[in-house]
Amino acid sequence: MQKLADYEPLLDQKVTITAQATEDAVYGKTKQLSFAANNIMLDNGKRLTGKVQLSGFGVNAVFDGDVVAATGKLRQGFSAYQGRMSFAQLHVVEHHPSMIAETRRKFVSGMRTALPEPLASFVMGLLVGQRATLPDEVKQDLLMVGLTHIIAVSGYNLTIILHASKKLLGGRSKRISTWLSLALIGVFLMLAGASASIVRAAIVSVLSIAASYYGRSFRPLTLLSFAAAITVWANPFYLWSDLSWYLSFLAFYGVMVLAPLVQKRWPARWHQTLIGGVALESVCAEIMSLPFVLHIFGQMSLIGLPANVLVVTLVPLAMLLGLIAGLAGMFVGLIAGWLAWPAVLLLNYMLDIAHVMAHFPHIFVENRSLPLSLMLCLYGLIIVITTTLWHKTKSSRPDIITDINQPKTGGLLA
């Protein structure tokens, strides 16, 4: 609260700040360059904590790592941002070229060489959560059918990468496989950014890899609580205002705690199939996140379950084919189109499914805000149900996580 109080006298006032961009800027709806920034400093030398969203004019481009001076009215931030400034006058003070950022820009360029839009932007959303360049109509289709989470980089992206490394080297060298997995986590964090969901996924993965390496295990609630404590200790703003942090842990609880308990109590075996697993884990993640979403946004999709079953199961293959297309565009641009055609077919199918289902009548509910008291009551009821299921399972405790690298179909939602 003391740190946030520094913003109060500056709100709705014209100020000049200097901040460092944490991503490449993109043009928004109002033709402004928009980007997130941290390391904020006022013109009097005083530093502000947190990060801000900046939009404005005056420069042709702003790249990740650039130090930018912005002059304009500072407004109250939302969710992960402590402040925002629109229609600002921008000026790049310093360039800080980064090999990582440059490699990512080359990969994005290669992807656009190999794939047409909006497929290139869509697959970048699947791979590293880059969705700023995705057309508004595609975003709206995904929102209407409850598939926005597939372009929000999450633990599922990381799980797929780690599982691939485990399959590649796990049977040969446990030590090499462990170090490769840790290196991939580091590279993924650098390329995808340190959003709340990615930090949580990385911490969970590192803890699980360490436990597996030493022959130990984590129970889901222990893993969840420990990861939450670490992330909040590192950045208290996650707990204070980051909506994605809450959604990430709610979905994580649904997939890793509630779904296994339901599986133990359900005599049928349909949920052990790929489609059944996606359906069950999607429902559990939806149960955990829906009250919070209704309280904050007042909206929900009524067709999210069938949309997830039809699309989510194909995300790992789409990521692999998209990666091949991007690398082909980087290194063999002349034949990239031939190598990218499988990705074109699959990505078109996924977007077509979302587009068709988004036009079903009455499948999206808006302006149905849930009161705070009712939201808390619903979560209290969920806790009671979870506790009851926990006591009635054959073993007295939920499933123990021994290896987070084993692919969970619903992990995308987490």
Protein backbone atom coordinates (compact mmCIF):
# COMPACT_ATOMS: atom_id res chain seq x y z
CA MET A 1 0.00 0.00 0.00
CA GLN A 2 2.90 2.34 0.70
CA LYS A 3 4.36 1.63 -2.73
CA LEU A 4 1.03 2.16 -4.46
CA ALA A 5 0.50 5.43 -2.57
CA ASP A 6 3.28 6.98 -4.67
CA TYR A 7 0.93 6.86 -7.65
CA GLU A 8 -1.95 8.70 -5.96
CA PRO A 9 -0.78 12.33 -6.37
CA LEU A 10 0.19 11.61 -10.00
CA LEU A 11 -3.11 10.18 -11.21
CA ASP A 12 -4.92 12.27 -13.84
CA GLN A 13 -1.94 14.62 -13.93
CA LYS A 14 0.37 15.33 -16.86
CA VAL A 15 3.75 13.89 -15.96
CA THR A 16 6.95 12.79 -17.63
CA ILE A 17 8.28 9.34 -16.79
CA THR A 18 11.19 7.26 -17.99
CA ALA A 19 10.63 3.51 -18.19
CA GLN A 20 12.13 0.41 -19.77
CA ALA A 21 10.02 -1.54 -22.28
CA THR A 22 9.44 -5.17 -21.36
CA GLU A 23 8.16 -6.14 -24.83
CA ASP A 24 8.21 -4.99 -28.43
CA ALA A 25 5.62 -2.29 -29.08
CA VAL A 26 2.70 -2.96 -31.42
CA TYR A 27 0.18 -0.63 -33.02
CA GLY A 28 -3.24 -0.61 -31.35
CA LYS A 29 -6.71 0.37 -32.53
CA THR A 30 -5.98 4.09 -32.29
CA LYS A 31 -2.74 3.75 -34.31
CA GLN A 32 -0.68 4.24 -31.17
CA LEU A 33 2.42 2.25 -30.28
CA SER A 34 1.55 0.28 -27.16
CA PHE A 35 3.83 -1.64 -24.80
CA ALA A 36 4.38 -2.55 -21.15
CA ALA A 37 7.24 -1.04 -19.17
CA ASN A 38 8.87 -1.22 -15.75
CA ASN A 39 11.82 0.45 -13.95
CA ILE A 40 9.74 3.62 -13.85
CA MET A 41 11.34 6.92 -12.86
CA LEU A 42 9.81 10.40 -12.59
CA ASP A 43 11.61 13.44 -14.01
CA ASN A 44 12.57 14.41 -10.45
CA GLY A 45 14.49 11.14 -10.01
CA LYS A 46 11.89 9.36 -7.85
CA ARG A 47 11.28 5.72 -8.72
CA LEU A 48 7.86 4.06 -8.94
CA THR A 49 7.32 0.37 -8.36
CA GLY A 50 5.36 -2.04 -10.54
CA LYS A 51 4.74 -1.63 -14.25
CA VAL A 52 2.71 0.60 -16.54
CA GLN A 53 1.02 0.32 -19.92
CA LEU A 54 2.21 3.05 -22.31
CA SER A 55 0.61 4.10 -25.61
CA GLY A 56 1.52 7.07 -27.74
CA PHE A 57 3.22 8.67 -30.72
CA GLY A 58 6.54 10.21 -31.64
CA VAL A 59 8.68 7.17 -32.50
CA ASN A 60 8.55 4.59 -35.26
CA ALA A 61 9.31 1.59 -33.06
CA VAL A 62 10.03 0.58 -29.48
CA PHE A 63 11.82 -2.69 -28.82
CA ASP A 64 12.13 -4.85 -25.73
CA GLY A 65 14.76 -3.31 -23.43
CA ASP A 66 14.57 0.24 -24.81
CA VAL A 67 14.45 3.07 -22.27
CA VAL A 68 11.63 5.43 -23.23
CA ALA A 69 10.59 8.88 -21.99
CA ALA A 70 6.81 9.36 -22.04
CA THR A 71 4.87 12.57 -21.37
CA GLY A 72 1.12 12.48 -20.82
CA LYS A 73 -1.65 12.00 -18.28
CA LEU A 74 -1.09 9.07 -15.93
CA ARG A 75 -4.25 7.07 -15.29
CA GLN A 76 -5.17 4.33 -12.83
CA GLY A 77 -3.90 0.94 -13.96
CA PHE A 78 -5.86 -2.29 -14.16
CA SER A 79 -4.99 -5.85 -13.13
CA ALA A 80 -1.24 -6.38 -13.57
CA TYR A 81 -0.55 -2.70 -14.35
CA GLN A 82 -0.18 -0.08 -11.64
CA GLY A 83 -0.67 2.77 -14.12
CA ARG A 84 -1.36 3.52 -17.78
CA MET A 85 -0.74 6.41 -20.13
CA SER A 86 -2.45 6.93 -23.49
CA PHE A 87 -1.76 9.44 -26.29
CA ALA A 88 1.63 10.10 -24.74
CA GLN A 89 4.55 11.77 -26.45
CA LEU A 90 7.22 9.10 -26.69
CA HIS A 91 10.96 9.45 -27.08
CA VAL A 92 13.50 6.60 -27.04
CA VAL A 93 16.28 7.60 -24.64
CA GLU A 94 18.47 4.49 -24.87
CA HIS A 95 18.59 1.33 -26.95
CA HIS A 96 19.53 -1.90 -25.21
CA PRO A 97 19.77 -4.57 -27.93
CA SER A 98 19.12 -8.09 -26.70
CA MET A 99 20.15 -11.28 -28.47
CA ILE A 100 17.10 -13.01 -27.04
CA ALA A 101 14.72 -10.31 -28.27
CA GLU A 102 16.42 -10.22 -31.65
CA THR A 103 16.12 -14.01 -32.01
CA ARG A 104 12.46 -13.83 -31.12
CA ARG A 105 11.87 -11.08 -33.72
CA LYS A 106 13.61 -13.20 -36.37
CA PHE A 107 11.44 -16.16 -35.43
CA VAL A 108 8.28 -14.05 -35.70
CA SER A 109 9.46 -12.79 -39.08
CA GLY A 110 10.11 -16.37 -40.19
CA MET A 111 6.65 -17.39 -39.04
CA ARG A 112 5.08 -14.64 -41.15
CA THR A 113 7.17 -15.78 -44.10
CA ALA A 114 5.87 -19.33 -43.78
CA LEU A 115 2.26 -18.70 -42.74
CA PRO A 116 -0.36 -16.16 -43.84
CA GLU A 117 -2.24 -14.01 -41.36
CA PRO A 118 -4.05 -14.58 -39.08
CA LEU A 119 -2.47 -18.05 -38.85
CA ALA A 120 1.00 -16.66 -38.06
CA SER A 121 -0.29 -14.52 -35.20
CA PHE A 122 -2.50 -17.35 -33.95
CA VAL A 123 0.34 -19.87 -33.73
CA MET A 124 2.57 -17.30 -32.00
CA GLY A 125 -0.19 -17.05 -29.40
CA LEU A 126 -0.13 -20.84 -28.99
CA LEU A 127 3.66 -20.96 -28.70
CA VAL A 128 4.60 -17.96 -26.55
CA GLY A 129 1.34 -16.14 -25.78
CA GLN A 130 1.90 -13.30 -28.25
CA ARG A 131 -1.61 -12.11 -29.08
CA ALA A 132 -1.26 -8.36 -29.59
CA THR A 133 -1.12 -8.78 -33.39
CA LEU A 134 -4.08 -11.17 -33.56
CA PRO A 135 -7.05 -9.62 -35.43
CA ASP A 136 -9.92 -8.46 -33.25
CA GLU A 137 -12.43 -10.73 -35.00
CA VAL A 138 -10.34 -13.80 -34.16
CA LYS A 139 -10.00 -12.71 -30.53
CA GLN A 140 -13.77 -12.20 -30.39
CA ASP A 141 -14.45 -15.68 -31.80
CA LEU A 142 -12.15 -17.28 -29.23
CA LEU A 143 -13.76 -15.27 -26.44
CA MET A 144 -17.28 -16.27 -27.48
CA VAL A 145 -16.49 -19.99 -27.34
CA GLY A 146 -14.29 -19.94 -24.25
CA LEU A 147 -10.97 -20.58 -26.01
CA THR A 148 -9.11 -17.39 -25.16
CA HIS A 149 -6.87 -19.38 -22.81
CA ILE A 150 -5.17 -21.23 -25.69
CA ILE A 151 -3.48 -17.98 -26.83
CA ALA A 152 -2.56 -17.00 -23.27
CA VAL A 153 0.77 -18.67 -22.65
CA SER A 154 0.41 -21.10 -19.79
CA GLY A 155 1.75 -24.12 -18.04
CA TYR A 156 0.55 -26.38 -20.83
CA ASN A 157 3.02 -24.88 -23.30
CA LEU A 158 5.81 -25.59 -20.85
CA THR A 159 4.51 -29.08 -20.07
CA ILE A 160 4.60 -30.06 -23.75
CA ILE A 161 8.19 -28.82 -24.15
CA LEU A 162 9.39 -30.61 -21.00
CA HIS A 163 7.63 -33.83 -21.93
CA ALA A 164 9.36 -33.79 -25.33
CA SER A 165 12.77 -33.38 -23.68
CA LYS A 166 11.99 -36.21 -21.26
CA LYS A 167 11.04 -38.52 -24.12
CA LEU A 168 14.19 -37.56 -26.00
CA LEU A 169 16.77 -38.12 -23.27
CA GLY A 170 14.96 -39.47 -20.22
CA GLY A 171 15.85 -43.08 -21.00
CA ARG A 172 19.52 -42.31 -21.62
CA SER A 173 20.70 -39.96 -18.91
CA LYS A 174 18.68 -38.76 -15.97
CA ARG A 175 21.17 -35.97 -15.24
CA ILE A 176 21.29 -34.69 -18.82
CA SER A 177 17.50 -34.85 -19.10
CA THR A 178 17.15 -32.83 -15.88
CA TRP A 179 19.59 -30.14 -16.95
CA LEU A 180 18.01 -29.96 -20.41
CA SER A 181 14.58 -29.51 -18.83
CA LEU A 182 15.85 -26.72 -16.58
CA ALA A 183 17.56 -25.03 -19.53
CA LEU A 184 14.35 -25.21 -21.57
CA ILE A 185 12.43 -23.62 -18.70
CA GLY A 186 14.93 -20.74 -18.64
CA VAL A 187 14.75 -20.24 -22.41
CA PHE A 188 10.96 -20.38 -22.34
CA LEU A 189 10.80 -17.76 -19.57
CA MET A 190 13.08 -15.44 -21.51
CA LEU A 191 11.13 -15.79 -24.76
CA ALA A 192 7.60 -15.82 -23.37
CA GLY A 193 8.09 -13.26 -20.59
CA ALA A 194 7.51 -13.46 -16.85
CA SER A 195 3.73 -13.28 -16.64
CA ALA A 196 2.06 -14.61 -13.51
CA SER A 197 0.90 -17.86 -15.18
CA ILE A 198 4.33 -18.56 -16.69
CA VAL A 199 6.17 -17.87 -13.43
CA ARG A 200 3.79 -20.19 -11.62
CA ALA A 201 4.22 -22.91 -14.25
CA ALA A 202 8.00 -22.57 -14.15
CA ILE A 203 8.12 -22.82 -10.35
CA VAL A 204 5.83 -25.85 -10.32
CA SER A 205 7.93 -27.51 -13.03
CA VAL A 206 11.26 -26.81 -11.29
CA LEU A 207 9.98 -28.11 -7.95
CA SER A 208 8.59 -31.23 -9.57
CA ILE A 209 11.77 -31.87 -11.60
CA ALA A 210 13.86 -31.51 -8.45
CA ALA A 211 11.58 -33.86 -6.51
CA SER A 212 11.59 -36.44 -9.31
CA TYR A 213 15.39 -36.25 -9.61
CA TYR A 214 15.84 -37.06 -5.91
CA GLY A 215 13.10 -39.70 -5.88
CA ARG A 216 10.61 -37.64 -3.91
CA SER A 217 7.11 -36.36 -4.62
CA PHE A 218 4.72 -33.46 -4.05
CA ARG A 219 1.06 -33.56 -3.19
CA PRO A 220 -1.03 -31.13 -5.29
CA LEU A 221 -2.07 -28.86 -2.42
CA THR A 222 1.49 -28.63 -1.14
CA LEU A 223 2.79 -27.84 -4.60
CA LEU A 224 0.05 -25.27 -5.19
CA SER A 225 0.56 -23.53 -1.85
CA PHE A 226 4.35 -23.47 -2.14
CA ALA A 227 4.26 -22.04 -5.69
CA ALA A 228 1.77 -19.38 -4.60
CA ALA A 229 3.90 -18.39 -1.62
CA ILE A 230 7.06 -18.11 -3.74
CA THR A 231 5.43 -15.99 -6.46
CA VAL A 232 3.80 -13.61 -4.00
CA TRP A 233 7.03 -13.26 -2.02
CA ALA A 234 8.84 -12.36 -5.25
CA ASN A 235 6.12 -9.98 -6.47
CA PRO A 236 3.40 -8.94 -3.98
CA PHE A 237 1.50 -7.23 -6.81
CA TYR A 238 0.44 -10.67 -8.02
CA LEU A 239 -1.70 -11.09 -4.92
CA TRP A 240 -2.73 -7.45 -4.79
CA SER A 241 -3.97 -6.87 -8.32
CA ASP A 242 -2.96 -9.48 -10.93
CA LEU A 243 -6.12 -11.20 -12.20
CA SER A 244 -4.16 -13.71 -14.28
CA TRP A 245 -2.39 -14.92 -11.12
CA TYR A 246 -5.73 -15.78 -9.50
CA LEU A 247 -7.11 -17.41 -12.65
CA SER A 248 -3.92 -19.43 -13.03
CA PHE A 249 -4.09 -20.91 -9.55
CA LEU A 250 -7.84 -21.48 -9.67
CA ALA A 251 -7.51 -23.47 -12.89
CA PHE A 252 -4.46 -25.26 -11.47
CA TYR A 253 -6.54 -26.34 -8.45
CA GLY A 254 -9.34 -27.58 -10.69
CA VAL A 255 -7.04 -29.64 -12.93
CA MET A 256 -4.61 -31.02 -10.35
CA VAL A 257 -6.81 -31.41 -7.26
CA LEU A 258 -10.52 -31.50 -8.13
CA ALA A 259 -10.30 -33.55 -11.34
CA PRO A 260 -8.27 -36.46 -9.80
CA LEU A 261 -10.71 -36.63 -6.88
CA VAL A 262 -13.67 -36.84 -9.26
CA GLN A 263 -11.88 -39.52 -11.28
CA LYS A 264 -11.38 -41.63 -8.16
CA ARG A 265 -15.06 -41.42 -7.21
CA TRP A 266 -16.43 -41.94 -10.74
CA PRO A 267 -16.74 -45.67 -11.54
CA ALA A 268 -16.94 -45.15 -15.32
CA ARG A 269 -13.68 -45.19 -17.32
CA TRP A 270 -14.65 -42.72 -20.05
CA HIS A 271 -12.57 -40.01 -18.41
CA GLN A 272 -9.41 -42.05 -19.02
CA THR A 273 -9.70 -41.47 -22.77
CA LEU A 274 -8.18 -38.38 -24.39
CA ILE A 275 -11.55 -36.73 -25.11
CA GLY A 276 -12.97 -37.74 -21.74
CA GLY A 277 -9.91 -36.39 -19.93
CA VAL A 278 -10.16 -33.07 -21.75
CA ALA A 279 -13.86 -32.84 -20.94
CA LEU A 280 -13.48 -33.63 -17.23
CA GLU A 281 -10.48 -31.38 -16.63
CA SER A 282 -12.09 -28.56 -18.64
CA VAL A 283 -15.20 -28.80 -16.48
CA CYS A 284 -13.15 -28.79 -13.25
CA ALA A 285 -11.07 -25.82 -14.37
CA GLU A 286 -14.26 -24.04 -15.45
CA ILE A 287 -15.91 -24.72 -12.08
CA MET A 288 -12.97 -23.14 -10.27
CA SER A 289 -12.57 -20.09 -12.52
CA LEU A 290 -16.20 -19.29 -13.42
CA PRO A 291 -17.27 -17.57 -10.16
CA PHE A 292 -14.19 -15.34 -10.28
CA VAL A 293 -14.71 -14.55 -13.98
CA LEU A 294 -18.36 -13.69 -13.39
CA HIS A 295 -17.47 -11.47 -10.44
CA ILE A 296 -14.77 -9.54 -12.34
CA PHE A 297 -15.99 -9.55 -15.95
CA GLY A 298 -19.67 -10.50 -15.73
CA GLN A 299 -19.53 -12.77 -18.78
CA MET A 300 -19.25 -16.44 -19.71
CA SER A 301 -19.47 -18.80 -22.69
CA LEU A 302 -22.13 -21.53 -22.66
CA ILE A 303 -20.37 -23.56 -25.33
CA GLY A 304 -16.89 -23.70 -23.84
CA LEU A 305 -16.89 -27.46 -23.08
CA PRO A 306 -17.52 -28.79 -26.63
CA ALA A 307 -15.21 -26.11 -28.04
CA ASN A 308 -12.41 -27.23 -25.72
CA VAL A 309 -12.92 -30.88 -26.62
CA LEU A 310 -12.77 -30.12 -30.36
CA VAL A 311 -9.76 -27.78 -30.20
CA VAL A 312 -7.65 -28.26 -27.07
CA THR A 313 -6.68 -31.85 -27.91
CA LEU A 314 -4.99 -30.55 -31.08
CA VAL A 315 -2.93 -27.80 -29.43
CA PRO A 316 0.25 -29.92 -28.92
CA LEU A 317 0.28 -30.92 -32.60
CA ALA A 318 -0.43 -27.33 -33.65
CA MET A 319 2.51 -26.12 -31.56
CA LEU A 320 4.85 -28.66 -33.15
CA LEU A 321 3.75 -27.90 -36.71
CA GLY A 322 3.86 -24.16 -36.00
CA LEU A 323 7.41 -24.46 -34.65
CA ILE A 324 8.46 -26.30 -37.80
CA ALA A 325 6.87 -23.60 -39.95
CA GLY A 326 8.60 -20.79 -38.03
CA LEU A 327 12.02 -22.43 -38.22
CA ALA A 328 11.49 -23.08 -41.93
CA GLY A 329 10.69 -19.41 -42.46
CA MET A 330 13.86 -18.42 -40.57
CA PHE A 331 16.32 -20.69 -42.36
CA VAL A 332 14.81 -21.95 -45.64
CA GLY A 333 12.39 -19.25 -46.67
CA LEU A 334 12.21 -20.37 -50.31
CA ILE A 335 10.55 -23.67 -49.42
CA ALA A 336 8.92 -22.60 -46.14
CA GLY A 337 5.46 -22.68 -47.71
CA TRP A 338 5.79 -26.38 -48.56
CA LEU A 339 6.97 -27.26 -45.07
CA ALA A 340 4.21 -25.17 -43.47
CA TRP A 341 1.19 -26.64 -45.26
CA PRO A 342 0.37 -29.17 -42.47
CA ALA A 343 0.30 -26.27 -40.00
CA VAL A 344 -1.93 -24.30 -42.38
CA LEU A 345 -4.49 -27.12 -42.53
CA LEU A 346 -4.59 -27.67 -38.77
CA LEU A 347 -4.62 -23.99 -37.77
CA ASN A 348 -7.38 -23.25 -40.28
CA TYR A 349 -9.44 -26.06 -38.79
CA MET A 350 -9.03 -24.69 -35.26
CA LEU A 351 -9.96 -21.14 -36.26
CA ASP A 352 -12.87 -22.33 -38.41
CA ILE A 353 -14.29 -24.34 -35.52
CA ALA A 354 -14.09 -21.27 -33.26
CA HIS A 355 -15.64 -19.04 -35.94
CA VAL A 356 -18.56 -21.37 -36.65
CA MET A 357 -19.35 -22.04 -32.99
CA ALA A 358 -19.04 -18.34 -32.13
CA HIS A 359 -22.01 -17.64 -34.39
CA PHE A 360 -24.34 -20.05 -32.62
CA PRO A 361 -27.18 -17.97 -31.11
CA HIS A 362 -27.31 -17.22 -27.38
CA ILE A 363 -24.03 -18.92 -26.48
CA PHE A 364 -22.44 -15.96 -24.70
CA VAL A 365 -23.77 -14.37 -21.51
CA GLU A 366 -22.84 -10.78 -20.66
CA ASN A 367 -23.61 -8.31 -17.87
CA ARG A 368 -24.20 -11.01 -15.24
CA SER A 369 -21.88 -9.80 -12.52
CA LEU A 370 -21.65 -12.01 -9.44
CA PRO A 371 -21.63 -10.26 -6.03
CA LEU A 372 -18.52 -10.78 -3.90
CA SER A 373 -20.50 -12.47 -1.12
CA LEU A 374 -22.04 -14.99 -3.51
CA MET A 375 -18.65 -15.69 -5.11
CA LEU A 376 -17.15 -16.46 -1.69
CA CYS A 377 -20.11 -18.69 -0.84
CA LEU A 378 -19.63 -20.67 -4.07
CA TYR A 379 -15.94 -21.17 -3.36
CA GLY A 380 -16.83 -22.23 0.17
CA LEU A 381 -19.19 -24.82 -1.29
CA ILE A 382 -16.46 -26.05 -3.65
CA ILE A 383 -14.08 -26.45 -0.69
CA VAL A 384 -16.71 -28.48 1.18
CA ILE A 385 -17.26 -30.73 -1.86
CA THR A 386 -13.51 -31.14 -2.38
CA THR A 387 -13.00 -32.04 1.29
CA THR A 388 -15.86 -34.55 1.14
CA LEU A 389 -14.42 -36.21 -1.95
CA TRP A 390 -10.99 -36.24 -0.33
CA HIS A 391 -12.30 -38.11 2.72
CA LYS A 392 -14.22 -40.60 0.60
CA THR A 393 -11.41 -41.62 -1.70
CA LYS A 394 -9.94 -45.08 -1.16
CA SER A 395 -6.65 -43.53 -0.14
CA SER A 396 -6.96 -40.79 2.43
CA ARG A 397 -5.21 -38.22 0.22
CA PRO A 398 -5.44 -36.89 -3.33
CA ASP A 399 -3.16 -38.16 -6.08
CA ILE A 400 0.48 -37.40 -5.50
CA ILE A 401 2.32 -35.54 -8.20
CA THR A 402 5.51 -37.40 -8.94
CA ASP A 403 6.33 -35.82 -12.29
CA ILE A 404 4.79 -32.65 -13.60
CA ASN A 405 6.29 -33.40 -17.00
CA GLN A 406 3.68 -36.05 -17.67
CA PRO A 407 1.27 -34.33 -20.09
CA LYS A 408 -2.06 -33.37 -18.62
CA THR A 409 -4.74 -32.71 -21.21
CA GLY A 410 -6.29 -29.99 -19.11
CA GLY A 411 -2.99 -28.39 -18.16
CA LEU A 412 -3.63 -25.74 -20.80
CA LEU A 413 -6.37 -24.31 -18.66
CA ALA A 414 -3.99 -24.08 -15.71
